[in-house]
C-alpha atoms as a PDB file:
ATOM      1  CA  MET A   1       6.601  -1.540 -82.660  1.00  0.00           C
ATOM      2  CA  THR A   2       4.167   1.165 -81.410  1.00  0.00           C
ATOM      3  CA  SER A   3       5.725   3.790 -79.315  1.00  0.00           C
ATOM      4  CA  ALA A   4       4.133   4.723 -75.730  1.00  0.00           C
ATOM      5  CA  LEU A   5       3.137   8.759 -75.095  1.00  0.00           C
ATOM      6  CA  ILE A   6       4.696   9.583 -71.691  1.00  0.00           C
ATOM      7  CA  LEU A   7       3.373  12.892 -70.420  1.00  0.00           C
ATOM      8  CA  ILE A   8       5.045  13.906 -67.627  1.00  0.00           C
ATOM      9  CA  ASP A   9       3.596  16.091 -64.518  1.00  0.00           C
ATOM     10  CA  ILE A  10       1.260  18.728 -66.703  1.00  0.00           C
ATOM     11  CA  GLN A  11      -0.453  19.599 -63.779  1.00  0.00           C
ATOM     12  CA  GLN A  12      -1.971  22.939 -62.402  1.00  0.00           C
ATOM     13  CA  GLY A  13       0.821  23.345 -59.879  1.00  0.00           C
ATOM     14  CA  PHE A  14       3.105  24.531 -62.662  1.00  0.00           C
ATOM     15  CA  ASP A  15       0.468  27.650 -63.042  1.00  0.00           C
ATOM     16  CA  ASP A  16       1.935  28.800 -59.449  1.00  0.00           C
ATOM     17  CA  PRO A  17       4.029  31.928 -60.076  1.00  0.00           C
ATOM     18  CA  VAL A  18       6.510  30.969 -57.688  1.00  0.00           C
ATOM     19  CA  TRP A  19       8.051  29.088 -60.477  1.00  0.00           C
ATOM     20  CA  GLY A  20       8.765  32.570 -62.409  1.00  0.00           C
ATOM     21  CA  ALA A  21       9.065  33.179 -66.171  1.00  0.00           C
ATOM     22  CA  ARG A  22       8.732  30.216 -68.622  1.00  0.00           C
ATOM     23  CA  SER A  23       9.799  28.458 -71.445  1.00  0.00           C
ATOM     24  CA  ASN A  24       7.049  27.525 -74.729  1.00  0.00           C
ATOM     25  CA  PRO A  25       3.506  28.839 -73.342  1.00  0.00           C
ATOM     26  CA  ASP A  26       2.626  26.005 -76.318  1.00  0.00           C
ATOM     27  CA  ALA A  27       3.954  23.321 -74.593  1.00  0.00           C
ATOM     28  CA  GLU A  28       0.625  21.880 -73.366  1.00  0.00           C
ATOM     29  CA  GLY A  29      -0.904  22.484 -76.573  1.00  0.00           C
ATOM     30  CA  ASN A  30       1.850  19.971 -78.083  1.00  0.00           C
ATOM     31  CA  ALA A  31       1.325  17.346 -75.650  1.00  0.00           C
ATOM     32  CA  ALA A  32      -2.573  17.658 -76.081  1.00  0.00           C
ATOM     33  CA  ARG A  33      -2.339  17.142 -79.847  1.00  0.00           C
ATOM     34  CA  LEU A  34       0.348  14.226 -79.473  1.00  0.00           C
ATOM     35  CA  LEU A  35      -2.535  12.744 -76.704  1.00  0.00           C
ATOM     36  CA  ALA A  36      -4.987  13.230 -79.275  1.00  0.00           C
ATOM     37  CA  ALA A  37      -2.933  11.699 -81.750  1.00  0.00           C
ATOM     38  CA  TRP A  38      -2.260   8.464 -79.592  1.00  0.00           C
ATOM     39  CA  ARG A  39      -5.950   7.760 -78.876  1.00  0.00           C
ATOM     40  CA  GLY A  40      -6.928   8.145 -81.941  1.00  0.00           C
ATOM     41  CA  PHE A  41      -4.375   5.230 -83.051  1.00  0.00           C
ATOM     42  CA  ALA A  42      -5.156   3.673 -79.910  1.00  0.00           C
ATOM     43  CA  ALA A  43      -1.480   3.768 -78.806  1.00  0.00           C
ATOM     44  CA  PRO A  44      -0.258   3.464 -75.144  1.00  0.00           C
ATOM     45  CA  ILE A  45      -0.376   6.252 -73.265  1.00  0.00           C
ATOM     46  CA  CYS A  46       0.912   6.804 -69.719  1.00  0.00           C
ATOM     47  CA  HIS A  47      -0.081  10.100 -67.137  1.00  0.00           C
ATOM     48  CA  ILE A  48       2.972  10.679 -64.348  1.00  0.00           C
ATOM     49  CA  ARG A  49       1.764  13.028 -61.633  1.00  0.00           C
ATOM     50  CA  HIS A  50       4.617  14.249 -59.200  1.00  0.00           C
ATOM     51  CA  VAL A  51       2.799  14.415 -55.479  1.00  0.00           C
ATOM     52  CA  SER A  52       5.826  16.720 -53.987  1.00  0.00           C
ATOM     53  CA  VAL A  53       6.326  15.639 -50.100  1.00  0.00           C
ATOM     54  CA  GLU A  54       8.143  18.887 -49.621  1.00  0.00           C
ATOM     55  CA  PRO A  55       5.974  21.191 -47.342  1.00  0.00           C
ATOM     56  CA  GLY A  56       4.555  24.176 -49.119  1.00  0.00           C
ATOM     57  CA  SER A  57       4.991  23.029 -52.689  1.00  0.00           C
ATOM     58  CA  PRO A  58       2.709  23.989 -54.972  1.00  0.00           C
ATOM     59  CA  LEU A  59       2.938  20.250 -56.244  1.00  0.00           C
ATOM     60  CA  GLY A  60       2.040  19.049 -52.843  1.00  0.00           C
ATOM     61  CA  PRO A  61      -1.307  16.921 -52.403  1.00  0.00           C
ATOM     62  CA  GLY A  62      -4.463  18.895 -53.352  1.00  0.00           C
ATOM     63  CA  GLU A  63      -5.248  21.020 -56.432  1.00  0.00           C
ATOM     64  CA  GLY A  64      -1.341  21.486 -57.699  1.00  0.00           C
ATOM     65  CA  THR A  65      -1.407  17.616 -58.391  1.00  0.00           C
ATOM     66  CA  ARG A  66      -4.732  18.075 -60.992  1.00  0.00           C
ATOM     67  CA  PHE A  67      -3.796  17.432 -64.229  1.00  0.00           C
ATOM     68  CA  LYS A  68      -4.078  20.524 -66.844  1.00  0.00           C
ATOM     69  CA  PRO A  69      -7.322  20.028 -68.644  1.00  0.00           C
ATOM     70  CA  GLU A  70      -5.967  19.336 -71.821  1.00  0.00           C
ATOM     71  CA  VAL A  71      -4.067  16.400 -71.225  1.00  0.00           C
ATOM     72  CA  ALA A  72      -6.727  15.233 -68.348  1.00  0.00           C
ATOM     73  CA  PRO A  73      -6.276  11.211 -68.480  1.00  0.00           C
ATOM     74  CA  ARG A  74      -9.385   9.520 -69.640  1.00  0.00           C
ATOM     75  CA  ASP A  75     -10.773   6.179 -67.722  1.00  0.00           C
ATOM     76  CA  GLY A  76      -8.374   3.582 -68.405  1.00  0.00           C
ATOM     77  CA  GLU A  77      -5.367   5.405 -69.000  1.00  0.00           C
ATOM     78  CA  PRO A  78      -2.661   4.619 -66.585  1.00  0.00           C
ATOM     79  CA  ILE A  79      -1.147   7.431 -64.236  1.00  0.00           C
ATOM     80  CA  PHE A  80       1.632   6.666 -62.354  1.00  0.00           C
ATOM     81  CA  GLU A  81       2.589   9.053 -58.976  1.00  0.00           C
ATOM     82  CA  LYS A  82       6.409   9.792 -57.750  1.00  0.00           C
ATOM     83  CA  SER A  83       7.828  11.745 -55.616  1.00  0.00           C
ATOM     84  CA  VAL A  84      11.235  12.191 -57.215  1.00  0.00           C
ATOM     85  CA  ASN A  85      12.363  13.375 -60.477  1.00  0.00           C
ATOM     86  CA  SER A  86      12.096   9.778 -62.536  1.00  0.00           C
ATOM     87  CA  ALA A  87       8.598   8.655 -63.317  1.00  0.00           C
ATOM     88  CA  PHE A  88      10.762   5.013 -63.026  1.00  0.00           C
ATOM     89  CA  ILE A  89      11.440   5.584 -59.214  1.00  0.00           C
ATOM     90  CA  GLY A  90       9.203   4.142 -56.869  1.00  0.00           C
ATOM     91  CA  THR A  91       6.418   3.591 -60.050  1.00  0.00           C
ATOM     92  CA  GLU A  92       5.293   0.632 -61.685  1.00  0.00           C
ATOM     93  CA  LEU A  93       6.274   2.393 -65.187  1.00  0.00           C
ATOM     94  CA  GLU A  94       8.768  -0.007 -66.361  1.00  0.00           C
ATOM     95  CA  HIS A  95       6.926  -3.151 -65.571  1.00  0.00           C
ATOM     96  CA  HIS A  96       3.999  -1.537 -67.183  1.00  0.00           C
ATOM     97  CA  LEU A  97       5.861  -1.109 -70.295  1.00  0.00           C
ATOM     98  CA  THR A  98       7.741  -3.880 -70.466  1.00  0.00           C
ATOM     99  CA  HIS A  99       4.835  -5.927 -69.650  1.00  0.00           C
ATOM    100  CA  SER A 100       3.114  -4.468 -72.427  1.00  0.00           C
ATOM    101  CA  SER A 101       5.639  -5.051 -74.778  1.00  0.00           C
ATOM    102  CA  VAL A 102       6.768  -1.290 -75.449  1.00  0.00           C
ATOM    103  CA  GLY A 103      10.333  -0.635 -76.359  1.00  0.00           C
ATOM    104  CA  ASP A 104       9.601   2.952 -77.736  1.00  0.00           C
ATOM    105  CA  LEU A 105       8.709   6.125 -76.166  1.00  0.00           C
ATOM    106  CA  VAL A 106       7.621   9.439 -76.688  1.00  0.00           C
ATOM    107  CA  ILE A 107       8.060  11.935 -73.895  1.00  0.00           C
ATOM    108  CA  CYS A 108       6.741  14.856 -73.063  1.00  0.00           C
ATOM    109  CA  GLY A 109       5.849  17.393 -69.836  1.00  0.00           C
ATOM    110  CA  LEU A 110       7.463  19.438 -67.074  1.00  0.00           C
ATOM    111  CA  THR A 111       9.964  20.858 -66.586  1.00  0.00           C
ATOM    112  CA  THR A 112      12.763  19.850 -69.131  1.00  0.00           C
ATOM    113  CA  PRO A 113      15.864  19.887 -67.130  1.00  0.00           C
ATOM    114  CA  HIS A 114      14.368  18.193 -64.289  1.00  0.00           C
ATOM    115  CA  CYS A 115      11.768  15.150 -64.435  1.00  0.00           C
ATOM    116  CA  VAL A 116      11.428  15.288 -68.303  1.00  0.00           C
ATOM    117  CA  SER A 117      15.745  14.927 -68.486  1.00  0.00           C
ATOM    118  CA  THR A 118      15.767  12.619 -65.849  1.00  0.00           C
ATOM    119  CA  THR A 119      12.671  10.371 -66.704  1.00  0.00           C
ATOM    120  CA  THR A 120      14.450  10.403 -70.478  1.00  0.00           C
ATOM    121  CA  ARG A 121      17.892   9.730 -69.501  1.00  0.00           C
ATOM    122  CA  MET A 122      16.703   6.679 -67.426  1.00  0.00           C
ATOM    123  CA  ALA A 123      14.669   5.510 -70.274  1.00  0.00           C
ATOM    124  CA  ALA A 124      17.523   5.431 -72.749  1.00  0.00           C
ATOM    125  CA  ASN A 125      19.370   3.486 -69.785  1.00  0.00           C
ATOM    126  CA  LEU A 126      16.802   1.107 -69.477  1.00  0.00           C
ATOM    127  CA  GLY A 127      16.813   0.565 -73.053  1.00  0.00           C
ATOM    128  CA  PHE A 128      13.942   2.513 -74.322  1.00  0.00           C
ATOM    129  CA  ASN A 129      14.137   4.186 -77.776  1.00  0.00           C
ATOM    130  CA  VAL A 130      12.870   7.391 -76.783  1.00  0.00           C
ATOM    131  CA  ARG A 131      12.065  10.569 -79.158  1.00  0.00           C
ATOM    132  CA  LEU A 132      11.847  13.921 -76.991  1.00  0.00           C
ATOM    133  CA  ALA A 133       9.261  16.340 -78.292  1.00  0.00           C
ATOM    134  CA  HIS A 134      10.914  18.988 -77.194  1.00  0.00           C
ATOM    135  CA  ASP A 135       8.411  21.944 -77.924  1.00  0.00           C
ATOM    136  CA  ALA A 136       5.605  19.930 -75.923  1.00  0.00           C
ATOM    137  CA  CYS A 137       8.372  20.389 -72.764  1.00  0.00           C
ATOM    138  CA  ALA A 138       8.893  23.578 -70.524  1.00  0.00           C
ATOM    139  CA  ALA A 139      11.312  25.096 -67.901  1.00  0.00           C
ATOM    140  CA  PHE A 140      10.787  27.909 -65.233  1.00  0.00           C
ATOM    141  CA  THR A 141      13.321  30.552 -64.370  1.00  0.00           C
ATOM    142  CA  SER A 142      13.485  28.778 -60.850  1.00  0.00           C
ATOM    143  CA  ASN A 143      14.699  25.730 -62.147  1.00  0.00           C
ATOM    144  CA  VAL A 144      18.510  27.699 -61.904  1.00  0.00           C
ATOM    145  CA  GLN A 145      17.982  30.123 -59.322  1.00  0.00           C
ATOM    146  CA  THR A 146      21.975  30.292 -59.104  1.00  0.00           C
ATOM    147  CA  ASP A 147      24.676  28.948 -61.462  1.00  0.00           C
ATOM    148  CA  TRP A 148      27.501  26.620 -60.467  1.00  0.00           C
ATOM    149  CA  ALA A 149      29.601  29.218 -58.965  1.00  0.00           C
ATOM    150  CA  GLN A 150      26.772  30.851 -56.857  1.00  0.00           C
ATOM    151  CA  ASN A 151      26.192  33.602 -59.155  1.00  0.00           C
ATOM    152  CA  VAL A 152      22.609  35.008 -58.383  1.00  0.00           C
ATOM    153  CA  ALA A 153      21.406  35.454 -61.818  1.00  0.00           C
ATOM    154  CA  PRO A 154      18.730  33.316 -63.088  1.00  0.00           C
ATOM    155  CA  MET A 155      18.918  32.012 -66.646  1.00  0.00           C
ATOM    156  CA  ASN A 156      16.251  33.033 -69.354  1.00  0.00           C
ATOM    157  CA  PRO A 157      13.941  29.799 -69.164  1.00  0.00           C
ATOM    158  CA  GLN A 158      14.597  29.346 -73.332  1.00  0.00           C
ATOM    159  CA  ALA A 159      17.863  29.229 -72.568  1.00  0.00           C
ATOM    160  CA  ILE A 160      17.522  26.699 -69.712  1.00  0.00           C
ATOM    161  CA  HIS A 161      15.146  24.593 -71.965  1.00  0.00           C
ATOM    162  CA  GLU A 162      17.278  24.682 -74.976  1.00  0.00           C
ATOM    163  CA  THR A 163      20.441  23.587 -72.923  1.00  0.00           C
ATOM    164  CA  ALA A 164      18.241  20.895 -71.240  1.00  0.00           C
ATOM    165  CA  ILE A 165      17.289  19.680 -74.705  1.00  0.00           C
ATOM    166  CA  ASN A 166      20.821  19.544 -76.151  1.00  0.00           C
ATOM    167  CA  HIS A 167      21.840  17.025 -73.157  1.00  0.00           C
ATOM    168  CA  LEU A 168      19.799  14.683 -73.747  1.00  0.00           C
ATOM    169  CA  HIS A 169      19.752  15.110 -77.795  1.00  0.00           C
ATOM    170  CA  GLY A 170      21.977  12.298 -79.473  1.00  0.00           C
ATOM    171  CA  GLU A 171      22.989  10.245 -76.085  1.00  0.00           C
ATOM    172  CA  PHE A 172      19.740   9.834 -74.559  1.00  0.00           C
ATOM    173  CA  ALA A 173      16.793  10.910 -77.363  1.00  0.00           C
ATOM    174  CA  ARG A 174      15.830  12.486 -80.752  1.00  0.00           C
ATOM    175  CA  ALA A 175      14.993  15.837 -80.178  1.00  0.00           C
ATOM    176  CA  MET A 176      12.039  16.118 -82.283  1.00  0.00           C
ATOM    177  CA  SER A 177       9.124  18.614 -82.848  1.00  0.00           C
ATOM    178  CA  THR A 178       5.578  18.043 -82.364  1.00  0.00           C
ATOM    179  CA  ASN A 179       4.642  18.138 -86.049  1.00  0.00           C
ATOM    180  CA  ALA A 180       7.808  15.488 -86.837  1.00  0.00           C
ATOM    181  CA  ILE A 181       6.884  13.145 -84.477  1.00  0.00           C
ATOM    182  CA  LEU A 182       3.107  13.463 -85.360  1.00  0.00           C
ATOM    183  CA  ASN A 183       4.264  12.655 -88.927  1.00  0.00           C
ATOM    184  CA  GLU A 184       5.994   9.474 -88.081  1.00  0.00           C
ATOM    185  CA  GLY A 185       3.179   8.496 -85.677  1.00  0.00           C
ATOM    186  CA  PRO A 186       3.361   6.200 -82.941  1.00  0.00           C
END
């Protein structure tokens, strides 16, 4: 069975400095490598776009919702728009995948502890087998402004990213490098 590639929120709005420091500057490049491979195999691809309903959000309607050029959709590649963390909530993504006989997913995108994590968890709960391209995802310091005890000390973005991946690996997904996924193929 062929896996669908799910590219989550790889948008220009994440270039805004409001997000703070980020992990993995190679995330978009690795996502682009996956996208090129999936296109080469004519395998299913789904682009997810976050359109925030929060006033002033860098991901609000307009420039911030544009996909980054290295992963921009081509004509005919489906785009699913959401305003919450899960790509399955308020979209036709699940219907599209199940009616296309897709049971396996490769997920990548922004940001690891939010939309990537939520979509990955929900995908597994819906019965999809998920490979998570850990090096085609990234996190920002703004993802954690305070810890659970309200201590104001942002975590390192790499620690945020790795913690989110560790919480997903084994139970909700197989966390793999882009190279390992490319070696397995769609």
